[in-house]
Amino acid sequence: GEGEIYGEVVFNTAMSGYQEILTDPSYRGQIVVMTMPHIGNYGVNDEDLESSDIHVRGFVVRELSFYASSWRAKNTLVEFLSSRGILVIWGIDTRALVKKIREKGVIRGVISTLDRTPQELVSIAKNVPDISLQDLVSEVRTKNSYRWNLDDDKKIVVVVDFGVKRNILRSLSKVGLNPIVVPPDGALEFIREFSPSGVVLSNGPGDPRSVYKGLEVAKALIGKFPLLGICLGHQLISLALGGKVFKLKFGHHGANHPVKDFKTQRVLITSQNHNYAVDVSSVKDVEITHENLLDNTIEGFEIKSLLIKCVQFHPEASPGPGDAFDIFKDFASIVNGC
């Protein structure tokens, strides 16, 4: 692409999955740096899209492949990025950049094809608005309700869309549920209309404390329906319960984050994409079910009496590959038991 973009710069440690990363709505407003040196090797296809568009604001890689070496490829990554005008910078030392982000914390950056001086670009980067001041959910959520499938024999669950990934909907279908996606605005009215057996609060971009409509929805649903919160949804439920969130130094972004499951005593290899985390000391009367082994942040909890289950990671992303799929099976058991 051409022009100029700016945003928060984060890094992703996944060795594959760049197509899912590019199309993940939770990356809205961010410039993503890939730590894997070779990006684009296997091209892109129609099956691995997590949404209908690219949501990263800019893309930074060490070496960009102009060829696709996979039987599944429909296009090269370069063609995919070009068709949507995404600004990409490559040929730089991404590992050095990642080291700087780890040392300094989240930084703001700009990518430009305009004729500007380094001083002008630095000034632009310094004035990039904080992500907590941006209403990113409104840019990615659905505007109308829709059914993911048409199987009326399955129990309906409403998915409140803050930027839901398609594989969450596929996963809900795989465990025998019938997801209907609704926007946060008017979500309570849709829930009354569809009379679901459970509700899922999806992933999404930005600071959960700025998602006022989502917080309102979460507060209204607690104790009324079985609830599953994923990523941003987990944070919103935590806030609705009186908890607090804080911004991580450089976030969790990647497909190789070890998470301890206290119920099974197993270590799950998880996919993650979030800049904020829940303060574990702020959530009361919950059973902590998962913990991040890299920094000991809370990765999941449940409240059996309220039929609430939350996880910070992405159980649908399958980097393990199926380590965390039991999250959906457990939620289906709760829904079917009601």
C-alpha atoms as a PDB file:
ATOM      1  CA  GLY A   1       0.000   0.000   0.000  1.00  0.00           C
ATOM      2  CA  GLU A   2       0.895   3.688  -0.099  1.00  0.00           C
ATOM      3  CA  GLY A   3       0.328   6.580   2.272  1.00  0.00           C
ATOM      4  CA  GLU A   4       0.865   6.756   5.998  1.00  0.00           C
ATOM      5  CA  ILE A   5      -0.412   4.795   8.972  1.00  0.00           C
ATOM      6  CA  TYR A   6       0.294   4.890  12.689  1.00  0.00           C
ATOM      7  CA  GLY A   7      -0.566   2.871  15.777  1.00  0.00           C
ATOM      8  CA  GLU A   8       0.749   0.891  18.699  1.00  0.00           C
ATOM      9  CA  VAL A   9       3.566  -1.480  17.738  1.00  0.00           C
ATOM     10  CA  VAL A  10       3.307  -5.026  19.104  1.00  0.00           C
ATOM     11  CA  PHE A  11       5.150  -8.227  18.248  1.00  0.00           C
ATOM     12  CA  ASN A  12       3.831 -11.722  17.575  1.00  0.00           C
ATOM     13  CA  THR A  13       5.963 -14.802  18.272  1.00  0.00           C
ATOM     14  CA  ALA A  14       3.986 -17.308  16.158  1.00  0.00           C
ATOM     15  CA  MET A  15       5.983 -19.308  13.623  1.00  0.00           C
ATOM     16  CA  SER A  16       2.972 -19.659  11.315  1.00  0.00           C
ATOM     17  CA  GLY A  17      -0.579 -18.347  11.111  1.00  0.00           C
ATOM     18  CA  TYR A  18       0.137 -14.918   9.628  1.00  0.00           C
ATOM     19  CA  GLN A  19      -3.142 -15.024   7.686  1.00  0.00           C
ATOM     20  CA  GLU A  20      -5.131 -15.553  10.894  1.00  0.00           C
ATOM     21  CA  ILE A  21      -3.154 -12.776  12.589  1.00  0.00           C
ATOM     22  CA  LEU A  22      -3.777 -10.299   9.769  1.00  0.00           C
ATOM     23  CA  THR A  23      -7.538 -10.975   9.773  1.00  0.00           C
ATOM     24  CA  ASP A  24      -8.004 -11.102  13.571  1.00  0.00           C
ATOM     25  CA  PRO A  25     -10.241  -8.123  14.534  1.00  0.00           C
ATOM     26  CA  SER A  26      -8.468  -7.897  17.912  1.00  0.00           C
ATOM     27  CA  TYR A  27      -5.450  -6.420  16.077  1.00  0.00           C
ATOM     28  CA  ARG A  28      -7.442  -3.394  14.926  1.00  0.00           C
ATOM     29  CA  GLY A  29      -5.379  -0.218  15.175  1.00  0.00           C
ATOM     30  CA  GLN A  30      -2.034  -1.960  15.729  1.00  0.00           C
ATOM     31  CA  ILE A  31       1.193  -2.378  13.802  1.00  0.00           C
ATOM     32  CA  VAL A  32       2.277  -6.014  14.091  1.00  0.00           C
ATOM     33  CA  VAL A  33       5.915  -7.126  14.038  1.00  0.00           C
ATOM     34  CA  MET A  34       6.519 -10.812  13.287  1.00  0.00           C
ATOM     35  CA  THR A  35       9.480 -12.440  15.082  1.00  0.00           C
ATOM     36  CA  MET A  36       9.548 -15.323  12.602  1.00  0.00           C
ATOM     37  CA  PRO A  37      12.073 -14.195   9.936  1.00  0.00           C
ATOM     38  CA  HIS A  38      10.311 -15.667   6.878  1.00  0.00           C
ATOM     39  CA  ILE A  39       6.711 -14.585   6.348  1.00  0.00           C
ATOM     40  CA  GLY A  40       4.500 -15.529   3.376  1.00  0.00           C
ATOM     41  CA  ASN A  41       6.097 -18.878   2.496  1.00  0.00           C
ATOM     42  CA  TYR A  42       2.823 -20.801   2.213  1.00  0.00           C
ATOM     43  CA  GLY A  43       0.691 -18.005   0.767  1.00  0.00           C
ATOM     44  CA  VAL A  44      -2.960 -17.432   1.709  1.00  0.00           C
ATOM     45  CA  ASN A  45      -6.180 -19.377   1.184  1.00  0.00           C
ATOM     46  CA  ASP A  46      -9.915 -18.998   1.675  1.00  0.00           C
ATOM     47  CA  GLU A  47     -10.225 -21.280   4.717  1.00  0.00           C
ATOM     48  CA  ASP A  48      -7.880 -19.558   7.194  1.00  0.00           C
ATOM     49  CA  LEU A  49      -9.545 -16.149   7.243  1.00  0.00           C
ATOM     50  CA  GLU A  50     -10.742 -15.132  10.720  1.00  0.00           C
ATOM     51  CA  SER A  51     -12.852 -12.305   9.292  1.00  0.00           C
ATOM     52  CA  SER A  52     -13.634 -10.758   5.923  1.00  0.00           C
ATOM     53  CA  ASP A  53     -10.873  -8.138   6.043  1.00  0.00           C
ATOM     54  CA  ILE A  54      -7.339  -7.374   7.215  1.00  0.00           C
ATOM     55  CA  HIS A  55      -7.433  -5.518  10.547  1.00  0.00           C
ATOM     56  CA  VAL A  56      -3.772  -4.839  11.327  1.00  0.00           C
ATOM     57  CA  ARG A  57      -2.918  -1.246  10.536  1.00  0.00           C
ATOM     58  CA  GLY A  58       0.617  -2.074   9.429  1.00  0.00           C
ATOM     59  CA  PHE A  59       2.834  -5.146   9.063  1.00  0.00           C
ATOM     60  CA  VAL A  60       6.567  -5.468   9.817  1.00  0.00           C
ATOM     61  CA  VAL A  61       8.629  -8.495   8.726  1.00  0.00           C
ATOM     62  CA  ARG A  62      12.252  -9.465   8.228  1.00  0.00           C
ATOM     63  CA  GLU A  63      11.842 -11.235   4.887  1.00  0.00           C
ATOM     64  CA  LEU A  64       8.656 -11.189   2.808  1.00  0.00           C
ATOM     65  CA  SER A  65       8.119 -14.128   0.458  1.00  0.00           C
ATOM     66  CA  PHE A  66       6.799 -13.209  -2.977  1.00  0.00           C
ATOM     67  CA  TYR A  67       6.110 -16.885  -3.742  1.00  0.00           C
ATOM     68  CA  ALA A  68       3.661 -19.353  -2.210  1.00  0.00           C
ATOM     69  CA  SER A  69       4.783 -22.954  -1.667  1.00  0.00           C
ATOM     70  CA  SER A  70       1.641 -24.808  -0.589  1.00  0.00           C
ATOM     71  CA  TRP A  71      -1.059 -26.861  -2.287  1.00  0.00           C
ATOM     72  CA  ARG A  72      -3.635 -24.888  -0.253  1.00  0.00           C
ATOM     73  CA  ALA A  73      -2.497 -21.470  -1.487  1.00  0.00           C
ATOM     74  CA  LYS A  74      -4.898 -19.428  -3.600  1.00  0.00           C
ATOM     75  CA  ASN A  75      -2.709 -16.297  -3.658  1.00  0.00           C
ATOM     76  CA  THR A  76       0.631 -15.046  -2.423  1.00  0.00           C
ATOM     77  CA  LEU A  77       0.730 -13.010   0.761  1.00  0.00           C
ATOM     78  CA  VAL A  78       1.999 -10.041  -1.254  1.00  0.00           C
ATOM     79  CA  GLU A  79      -1.077 -10.171  -3.506  1.00  0.00           C
ATOM     80  CA  PHE A  80      -3.328 -10.455  -0.450  1.00  0.00           C
ATOM     81  CA  LEU A  81      -1.755  -7.413   1.231  1.00  0.00           C
ATOM     82  CA  SER A  82      -1.637  -5.392  -2.001  1.00  0.00           C
ATOM     83  CA  SER A  83      -5.321  -6.001  -2.750  1.00  0.00           C
ATOM     84  CA  ARG A  84      -6.199  -4.254   0.501  1.00  0.00           C
ATOM     85  CA  GLY A  85      -3.542  -1.550   0.410  1.00  0.00           C
ATOM     86  CA  ILE A  86      -1.866  -2.608   3.662  1.00  0.00           C
ATOM     87  CA  LEU A  87       1.389  -0.804   4.434  1.00  0.00           C
ATOM     88  CA  VAL A  88       4.231  -3.265   4.972  1.00  0.00           C
ATOM     89  CA  ILE A  89       7.861  -2.665   5.822  1.00  0.00           C
ATOM     90  CA  TRP A  90      10.400  -5.471   5.416  1.00  0.00           C
ATOM     91  CA  GLY A  91      14.122  -5.981   5.295  1.00  0.00           C
ATOM     92  CA  ILE A  92      14.700  -4.621   8.793  1.00  0.00           C
ATOM     93  CA  ASP A  93      16.082  -6.347  11.891  1.00  0.00           C
ATOM     94  CA  THR A  94      12.790  -7.346  13.499  1.00  0.00           C
ATOM     95  CA  ARG A  95      14.472  -9.125  16.403  1.00  0.00           C
ATOM     96  CA  ALA A  96      16.248  -5.899  17.375  1.00  0.00           C
ATOM     97  CA  LEU A  97      12.922  -4.070  17.202  1.00  0.00           C
ATOM     98  CA  VAL A  98      11.269  -6.714  19.386  1.00  0.00           C
ATOM     99  CA  LYS A  99      14.071  -6.397  21.921  1.00  0.00           C
ATOM    100  CA  LYS A 100      13.443  -2.650  22.099  1.00  0.00           C
ATOM    101  CA  ILE A 101       9.698  -3.231  22.664  1.00  0.00           C
ATOM    102  CA  ARG A 102      10.442  -5.758  25.425  1.00  0.00           C
ATOM    103  CA  GLU A 103      12.804  -3.300  27.125  1.00  0.00           C
ATOM    104  CA  LYS A 104      10.723  -0.133  26.741  1.00  0.00           C
ATOM    105  CA  GLY A 105       7.203  -1.555  26.648  1.00  0.00           C
ATOM    106  CA  VAL A 106       4.555  -0.870  24.012  1.00  0.00           C
ATOM    107  CA  ILE A 107       5.746   1.851  21.636  1.00  0.00           C
ATOM    108  CA  ARG A 108       3.904   3.929  19.081  1.00  0.00           C
ATOM    109  CA  GLY A 109       5.047   3.925  15.494  1.00  0.00           C
ATOM    110  CA  VAL A 110       4.412   5.179  11.992  1.00  0.00           C
ATOM    111  CA  ILE A 111       4.958   3.655   8.547  1.00  0.00           C
ATOM    112  CA  SER A 112       4.982   6.135   5.682  1.00  0.00           C
ATOM    113  CA  THR A 113       5.635   6.230   1.963  1.00  0.00           C
ATOM    114  CA  LEU A 114       5.387  10.043   1.979  1.00  0.00           C
ATOM    115  CA  ASP A 115       8.363  12.346   1.591  1.00  0.00           C
ATOM    116  CA  ARG A 116       8.962  13.146   5.263  1.00  0.00           C
ATOM    117  CA  THR A 117      12.042  13.779   7.356  1.00  0.00           C
ATOM    118  CA  PRO A 118      12.920  11.442  10.246  1.00  0.00           C
ATOM    119  CA  GLN A 119      12.121  14.297  12.636  1.00  0.00           C
ATOM    120  CA  GLU A 120       8.615  14.671  11.188  1.00  0.00           C
ATOM    121  CA  LEU A 121       7.983  10.946  11.496  1.00  0.00           C
ATOM    122  CA  VAL A 122       9.169  10.888  15.108  1.00  0.00           C
ATOM    123  CA  SER A 123       6.830  13.767  15.902  1.00  0.00           C
ATOM    124  CA  ILE A 124       3.897  11.900  14.302  1.00  0.00           C
ATOM    125  CA  ALA A 125       4.702   8.735  16.253  1.00  0.00           C
ATOM    126  CA  LYS A 126       4.882  10.636  19.546  1.00  0.00           C
ATOM    127  CA  ASN A 127       1.396  12.026  18.955  1.00  0.00           C
ATOM    128  CA  VAL A 128      -0.306   8.713  18.154  1.00  0.00           C
ATOM    129  CA  PRO A 129      -3.393   8.565  20.412  1.00  0.00           C
ATOM    130  CA  ASP A 130      -3.342   5.934  23.140  1.00  0.00           C
ATOM    131  CA  ILE A 131      -5.285   2.810  22.214  1.00  0.00           C
ATOM    132  CA  SER A 132      -7.488   3.274  25.300  1.00  0.00           C
ATOM    133  CA  LEU A 133      -8.817   6.497  23.753  1.00  0.00           C
ATOM    134  CA  GLN A 134      -9.937   4.817  20.521  1.00  0.00           C
ATOM    135  CA  ASP A 135     -13.333   3.178  19.963  1.00  0.00           C
ATOM    136  CA  LEU A 136     -12.028   0.191  18.008  1.00  0.00           C
ATOM    137  CA  VAL A 137     -14.861  -2.239  18.784  1.00  0.00           C
ATOM    138  CA  SER A 138     -17.304  -0.099  16.788  1.00  0.00           C
ATOM    139  CA  GLU A 139     -15.033  -0.535  13.738  1.00  0.00           C
ATOM    140  CA  VAL A 140     -15.072  -4.348  13.797  1.00  0.00           C
ATOM    141  CA  ARG A 141     -18.369  -5.510  15.337  1.00  0.00           C
ATOM    142  CA  THR A 142     -21.267  -6.648  13.208  1.00  0.00           C
ATOM    143  CA  LYS A 143     -24.009  -4.113  12.577  1.00  0.00           C
ATOM    144  CA  ASN A 144     -26.752  -6.736  12.198  1.00  0.00           C
ATOM    145  CA  SER A 145     -27.494 -10.087  13.800  1.00  0.00           C
ATOM    146  CA  TYR A 146     -26.824 -13.239  11.784  1.00  0.00           C
ATOM    147  CA  ARG A 147     -26.902 -17.023  12.175  1.00  0.00           C
ATOM    148  CA  TRP A 148     -23.674 -18.941  11.699  1.00  0.00           C
ATOM    149  CA  ASN A 149     -25.539 -22.079  10.658  1.00  0.00           C
ATOM    150  CA  LEU A 150     -29.177 -23.081  10.233  1.00  0.00           C
ATOM    151  CA  ASP A 151     -29.365 -26.158  12.464  1.00  0.00           C
ATOM    152  CA  ASP A 152     -32.447 -25.509  14.600  1.00  0.00           C
ATOM    153  CA  ASP A 153     -32.066 -28.847  16.390  1.00  0.00           C
ATOM    154  CA  LYS A 154     -29.113 -27.475  18.353  1.00  0.00           C
ATOM    155  CA  LYS A 155     -29.384 -25.203  21.364  1.00  0.00           C
ATOM    156  CA  ILE A 156     -28.996 -21.525  20.523  1.00  0.00           C
ATOM    157  CA  VAL A 157     -26.176 -19.492  22.028  1.00  0.00           C
ATOM    158  CA  VAL A 158     -25.937 -15.781  21.366  1.00  0.00           C
ATOM    159  CA  VAL A 159     -22.435 -14.483  20.610  1.00  0.00           C
ATOM    160  CA  VAL A 160     -22.045 -10.790  21.446  1.00  0.00           C
ATOM    161  CA  ASP A 161     -19.631  -9.598  18.776  1.00  0.00           C
ATOM    162  CA  PHE A 162     -16.836  -7.268  19.865  1.00  0.00           C
ATOM    163  CA  GLY A 163     -14.677  -8.564  17.005  1.00  0.00           C
ATOM    164  CA  VAL A 164     -15.377 -12.282  16.992  1.00  0.00           C
ATOM    165  CA  LYS A 165     -13.105 -14.687  15.112  1.00  0.00           C
ATOM    166  CA  ARG A 166     -14.762 -17.111  12.739  1.00  0.00           C
ATOM    167  CA  ASN A 167     -13.136 -20.115  14.351  1.00  0.00           C
ATOM    168  CA  ILE A 168     -14.927 -19.357  17.619  1.00  0.00           C
ATOM    169  CA  LEU A 169     -18.201 -19.764  15.736  1.00  0.00           C
ATOM    170  CA  ARG A 170     -16.945 -22.938  14.046  1.00  0.00           C
ATOM    171  CA  SER A 171     -15.875 -24.336  17.425  1.00  0.00           C
ATOM    172  CA  LEU A 172     -19.249 -23.635  19.019  1.00  0.00           C
ATOM    173  CA  SER A 173     -20.888 -25.463  16.115  1.00  0.00           C
ATOM    174  CA  LYS A 174     -18.519 -28.421  16.500  1.00  0.00           C
ATOM    175  CA  VAL A 175     -19.649 -28.963  20.111  1.00  0.00           C
ATOM    176  CA  GLY A 176     -23.296 -29.039  19.095  1.00  0.00           C
ATOM    177  CA  LEU A 177     -24.378 -25.442  19.631  1.00  0.00           C
ATOM    178  CA  ASN A 178     -26.152 -23.057  17.270  1.00  0.00           C
ATOM    179  CA  PRO A 179     -24.428 -19.629  17.427  1.00  0.00           C
ATOM    180  CA  ILE A 180     -26.294 -16.434  16.539  1.00  0.00           C
ATOM    181  CA  VAL A 181     -24.043 -13.355  16.355  1.00  0.00           C
ATOM    182  CA  VAL A 182     -25.375 -10.002  17.559  1.00  0.00           C
ATOM    183  CA  PRO A 183     -23.861  -6.511  17.916  1.00  0.00           C
ATOM    184  CA  PRO A 184     -23.168  -5.057  21.391  1.00  0.00           C
ATOM    185  CA  ASP A 185     -25.653  -2.263  20.664  1.00  0.00           C
ATOM    186  CA  GLY A 186     -29.049  -3.807  21.208  1.00  0.00           C
ATOM    187  CA  ALA A 187     -27.563  -7.110  22.431  1.00  0.00           C
ATOM    188  CA  LEU A 188     -30.003  -7.393  25.331  1.00  0.00           C
ATOM    189  CA  GLU A 189     -32.974  -6.907  23.001  1.00  0.00           C
ATOM    190  CA  PHE A 190     -31.609  -9.584  20.644  1.00  0.00           C
ATOM    191  CA  ILE A 191     -31.108 -11.950  23.579  1.00  0.00           C
ATOM    192  CA  ARG A 192     -34.724 -11.505  24.637  1.00  0.00           C
ATOM    193  CA  GLU A 193     -35.791 -12.146  21.042  1.00  0.00           C
ATOM    194  CA  PHE A 194     -33.764 -15.329  20.503  1.00  0.00           C
ATOM    195  CA  SER A 195     -34.134 -16.784  24.064  1.00  0.00           C
ATOM    196  CA  PRO A 196     -30.722 -18.503  23.958  1.00  0.00           C
ATOM    197  CA  SER A 197     -29.522 -21.267  26.253  1.00  0.00           C
ATOM    198  CA  GLY A 198     -26.215 -19.453  26.770  1.00  0.00           C
ATOM    199  CA  VAL A 199     -24.262 -16.326  25.839  1.00  0.00           C
ATOM    200  CA  VAL A 200     -20.671 -15.876  24.645  1.00  0.00           C
ATOM    201  CA  LEU A 201     -18.837 -12.558  25.002  1.00  0.00           C
ATOM    202  CA  SER A 202     -16.258 -12.562  22.219  1.00  0.00           C
ATOM    203  CA  ASN A 203     -12.743 -11.308  21.750  1.00  0.00           C
ATOM    204  CA  GLY A 204     -12.130  -7.797  20.438  1.00  0.00           C
ATOM    205  CA  PRO A 205      -9.662  -4.893  20.257  1.00  0.00           C
ATOM    206  CA  GLY A 206      -8.757  -2.114  22.638  1.00  0.00           C
ATOM    207  CA  ASP A 207      -9.067  -1.278  26.316  1.00  0.00           C
ATOM    208  CA  PRO A 208     -11.984  -3.153  27.939  1.00  0.00           C
ATOM    209  CA  ARG A 209     -12.592  -0.179  30.241  1.00  0.00           C
ATOM    210  CA  SER A 210     -13.586   1.832  27.163  1.00  0.00           C
ATOM    211  CA  VAL A 211     -16.109  -0.750  25.935  1.00  0.00           C
ATOM    212  CA  TYR A 212     -19.004   0.757  27.890  1.00  0.00           C
ATOM    213  CA  LYS A 213     -21.775  -1.073  26.041  1.00  0.00           C
ATOM    214  CA  GLY A 214     -20.007  -4.400  26.557  1.00  0.00           C
ATOM    215  CA  LEU A 215     -19.661  -3.777  30.281  1.00  0.00           C
ATOM    216  CA  GLU A 216     -23.345  -2.899  30.473  1.00  0.00           C
ATOM    217  CA  VAL A 217     -24.255  -6.135  28.677  1.00  0.00           C
ATOM    218  CA  ALA A 218     -21.981  -8.245  30.908  1.00  0.00           C
ATOM    219  CA  LYS A 219     -23.488  -6.796  34.097  1.00  0.00           C
ATOM    220  CA  ALA A 220     -27.016  -7.454  32.847  1.00  0.00           C
ATOM    221  CA  LEU A 221     -26.305 -11.097  31.925  1.00  0.00           C
ATOM    222  CA  ILE A 222     -24.503 -12.323  35.049  1.00  0.00           C
ATOM    223  CA  GLY A 223     -26.662 -14.885  36.800  1.00  0.00           C
ATOM    224  CA  LYS A 224     -29.219 -14.943  33.984  1.00  0.00           C
ATOM    225  CA  PHE A 225     -27.508 -17.216  31.428  1.00  0.00           C
ATOM    226  CA  PRO A 226     -24.513 -19.543  31.230  1.00  0.00           C
ATOM    227  CA  LEU A 227     -21.684 -17.214  30.160  1.00  0.00           C
ATOM    228  CA  LEU A 228     -18.437 -17.869  28.282  1.00  0.00           C
ATOM    229  CA  GLY A 229     -15.977 -14.994  28.025  1.00  0.00           C
ATOM    230  CA  ILE A 230     -13.034 -15.160  25.612  1.00  0.00           C
ATOM    231  CA  CYS A 231     -10.180 -12.602  25.735  1.00  0.00           C
ATOM    232  CA  LEU A 232     -11.944  -9.191  25.781  1.00  0.00           C
ATOM    233  CA  GLY A 233     -15.099 -11.009  26.908  1.00  0.00           C
ATOM    234  CA  HIS A 234     -13.156 -12.442  29.861  1.00  0.00           C
ATOM    235  CA  GLN A 235     -11.989  -8.945  30.800  1.00  0.00           C
ATOM    236  CA  LEU A 236     -15.498  -7.476  30.520  1.00  0.00           C
ATOM    237  CA  ILE A 237     -16.951 -10.154  32.800  1.00  0.00           C
ATOM    238  CA  SER A 238     -14.135  -9.485  35.282  1.00  0.00           C
ATOM    239  CA  LEU A 239     -14.948  -5.758  35.278  1.00  0.00           C
ATOM    240  CA  ALA A 240     -18.664  -6.524  35.664  1.00  0.00           C
ATOM    241  CA  LEU A 241     -17.829  -8.588  38.764  1.00  0.00           C
ATOM    242  CA  GLY A 242     -15.989  -5.613  40.278  1.00  0.00           C
ATOM    243  CA  GLY A 243     -12.513  -6.610  39.173  1.00  0.00           C
ATOM    244  CA  LYS A 244      -9.774  -4.464  37.669  1.00  0.00           C
ATOM    245  CA  VAL A 245      -7.615  -4.703  34.549  1.00  0.00           C
ATOM    246  CA  PHE A 246      -4.180  -3.292  33.784  1.00  0.00           C
ATOM    247  CA  LYS A 247      -2.129  -2.786  30.649  1.00  0.00           C
ATOM    248  CA  LEU A 248       0.691  -5.262  30.137  1.00  0.00           C
ATOM    249  CA  LYS A 249       4.163  -3.962  29.351  1.00  0.00           C
ATOM    250  CA  PHE A 250       4.142  -5.389  25.829  1.00  0.00           C
ATOM    251  CA  GLY A 251       1.094  -7.653  25.766  1.00  0.00           C
ATOM    252  CA  HIS A 252       0.721 -11.322  24.932  1.00  0.00           C
ATOM    253  CA  HIS A 253       0.784 -11.988  21.192  1.00  0.00           C
ATOM    254  CA  GLY A 254       1.729 -15.373  19.780  1.00  0.00           C
ATOM    255  CA  ALA A 255       0.884 -19.055  19.384  1.00  0.00           C
ATOM    256  CA  ASN A 256       3.289 -20.540  21.920  1.00  0.00           C
ATOM    257  CA  HIS A 257       2.244 -19.254  25.363  1.00  0.00           C
ATOM    258  CA  PRO A 258       2.286 -21.947  28.091  1.00  0.00           C
ATOM    259  CA  VAL A 259      -0.766 -21.906  30.350  1.00  0.00           C
ATOM    260  CA  LYS A 260      -1.262 -24.142  33.410  1.00  0.00           C
ATOM    261  CA  ASP A 261      -4.690 -25.779  33.665  1.00  0.00           C
ATOM    262  CA  PHE A 262      -5.170 -26.280  37.404  1.00  0.00           C
ATOM    263  CA  LYS A 263      -8.010 -28.772  36.954  1.00  0.00           C
ATOM    264  CA  THR A 264      -6.081 -31.234  34.806  1.00  0.00           C
ATOM    265  CA  GLN A 265      -2.560 -30.193  35.904  1.00  0.00           C
ATOM    266  CA  ARG A 266      -1.667 -30.022  32.212  1.00  0.00           C
ATOM    267  CA  VAL A 267       0.257 -27.254  30.460  1.00  0.00           C
ATOM    268  CA  LEU A 268      -1.628 -25.976  27.417  1.00  0.00           C
ATOM    269  CA  ILE A 269       0.136 -24.390  24.454  1.00  0.00           C
ATOM    270  CA  THR A 270      -2.104 -21.418  23.719  1.00  0.00           C
ATOM    271  CA  SER A 271      -2.608 -18.652  21.199  1.00  0.00           C
ATOM    272  CA  GLN A 272      -2.947 -15.172  22.671  1.00  0.00           C
ATOM    273  CA  ASN A 273      -3.595 -11.636  21.529  1.00  0.00           C
ATOM    274  CA  HIS A 274      -4.255  -9.019  24.189  1.00  0.00           C
ATOM    275  CA  ASN A 275      -2.665  -5.914  25.680  1.00  0.00           C
ATOM    276  CA  TYR A 276      -4.595  -5.955  28.957  1.00  0.00           C
ATOM    277  CA  ALA A 277      -4.861  -8.473  31.797  1.00  0.00           C
ATOM    278  CA  VAL A 278      -7.094  -8.973  34.818  1.00  0.00           C
ATOM    279  CA  ASP A 279      -5.671  -8.118  38.241  1.00  0.00           C
ATOM    280  CA  VAL A 280      -5.931 -11.474  40.019  1.00  0.00           C
ATOM    281  CA  SER A 281      -6.246  -9.836  43.456  1.00  0.00           C
ATOM    282  CA  SER A 282      -9.276  -7.831  42.328  1.00  0.00           C
ATOM    283  CA  VAL A 283     -11.624 -10.683  41.400  1.00  0.00           C
ATOM    284  CA  LYS A 284     -13.337 -12.193  44.436  1.00  0.00           C
ATOM    285  CA  ASP A 285     -15.175 -15.471  44.974  1.00  0.00           C
ATOM    286  CA  VAL A 286     -13.930 -17.010  41.728  1.00  0.00           C
ATOM    287  CA  GLU A 287     -12.072 -20.256  41.089  1.00  0.00           C
ATOM    288  CA  ILE A 288      -8.885 -19.574  39.157  1.00  0.00           C
ATOM    289  CA  THR A 289      -8.628 -22.288  36.509  1.00  0.00           C
ATOM    290  CA  HIS A 290      -5.696 -21.160  34.344  1.00  0.00           C
ATOM    291  CA  GLU A 291      -2.427 -19.259  34.847  1.00  0.00           C
ATOM    292  CA  ASN A 292       0.172 -17.964  32.384  1.00  0.00           C
ATOM    293  CA  LEU A 293       3.525 -19.622  33.117  1.00  0.00           C
ATOM    294  CA  LEU A 294       5.528 -16.790  31.563  1.00  0.00           C
ATOM    295  CA  ASP A 295       4.374 -14.000  33.891  1.00  0.00           C
ATOM    296  CA  ASN A 296       1.817 -15.673  36.232  1.00  0.00           C
ATOM    297  CA  THR A 297      -1.077 -13.531  35.022  1.00  0.00           C
ATOM    298  CA  ILE A 298      -4.583 -14.943  35.315  1.00  0.00           C
ATOM    299  CA  GLU A 299      -5.677 -16.864  32.201  1.00  0.00           C
ATOM    300  CA  GLY A 300      -9.069 -18.157  33.279  1.00  0.00           C
ATOM    301  CA  PHE A 301     -11.609 -18.528  36.059  1.00  0.00           C
ATOM    302  CA  GLU A 302     -15.096 -19.847  36.672  1.00  0.00           C
ATOM    303  CA  ILE A 303     -17.994 -19.293  39.049  1.00  0.00           C
ATOM    304  CA  LYS A 304     -20.014 -22.489  39.086  1.00  0.00           C
ATOM    305  CA  SER A 305     -22.963 -20.994  40.983  1.00  0.00           C
ATOM    306  CA  LEU A 306     -23.379 -18.315  38.295  1.00  0.00           C
ATOM    307  CA  LEU A 307     -22.526 -20.637  35.373  1.00  0.00           C
ATOM    308  CA  ILE A 308     -19.627 -18.373  34.327  1.00  0.00           C
ATOM    309  CA  LYS A 309     -16.533 -19.604  32.505  1.00  0.00           C
ATOM    310  CA  CYS A 310     -13.813 -17.226  31.248  1.00  0.00           C
ATOM    311  CA  VAL A 311     -10.465 -17.587  29.506  1.00  0.00           C
ATOM    312  CA  GLN A 312      -7.944 -14.940  28.484  1.00  0.00           C
ATOM    313  CA  PHE A 313      -6.361 -17.043  25.725  1.00  0.00           C
ATOM    314  CA  HIS A 314      -7.951 -18.184  22.443  1.00  0.00           C
ATOM    315  CA  PRO A 315      -9.196 -21.779  22.788  1.00  0.00           C
ATOM    316  CA  GLU A 316     -10.316 -21.844  19.142  1.00  0.00           C
ATOM    317  CA  ALA A 317      -6.872 -21.080  17.692  1.00  0.00           C
ATOM    318  CA  SER A 318      -5.476 -24.614  18.230  1.00  0.00           C
ATOM    319  CA  PRO A 319      -1.698 -24.092  18.290  1.00  0.00           C
ATOM    320  CA  GLY A 320      -1.385 -27.180  20.539  1.00  0.00           C
ATOM    321  CA  PRO A 321      -3.227 -28.159  18.256  1.00  0.00           C
ATOM    322  CA  GLY A 322      -6.253 -29.221  20.323  1.00  0.00           C
ATOM    323  CA  ASP A 323      -5.025 -28.503  23.835  1.00  0.00           C
ATOM    324  CA  ALA A 324      -7.712 -25.981  24.784  1.00  0.00           C
ATOM    325  CA  PHE A 325     -10.740 -27.233  22.850  1.00  0.00           C
ATOM    326  CA  ASP A 326     -12.206 -28.645  26.080  1.00  0.00           C
ATOM    327  CA  ILE A 327     -13.199 -25.050  26.934  1.00  0.00           C
ATOM    328  CA  PHE A 328     -15.939 -25.278  24.310  1.00  0.00           C
ATOM    329  CA  LYS A 329     -16.915 -28.821  25.353  1.00  0.00           C
ATOM    330  CA  ASP A 330     -17.273 -27.707  28.982  1.00  0.00           C
ATOM    331  CA  PHE A 331     -19.390 -24.725  27.990  1.00  0.00           C
ATOM    332  CA  ALA A 332     -21.613 -26.959  25.837  1.00  0.00           C
ATOM    333  CA  SER A 333     -22.070 -29.284  28.827  1.00  0.00           C
ATOM    334  CA  ILE A 334     -23.165 -26.329  30.972  1.00  0.00           C
ATOM    335  CA  VAL A 335     -25.584 -25.097  28.280  1.00  0.00           C
ATOM    336  CA  ASN A 336     -27.056 -28.557  27.664  1.00  0.00           C
ATOM    337  CA  GLY A 337     -27.432 -29.133  31.389  1.00  0.00           C
ATOM    338  CA  CYS A 338     -29.642 -26.069  31.855  1.00  0.00           C
END
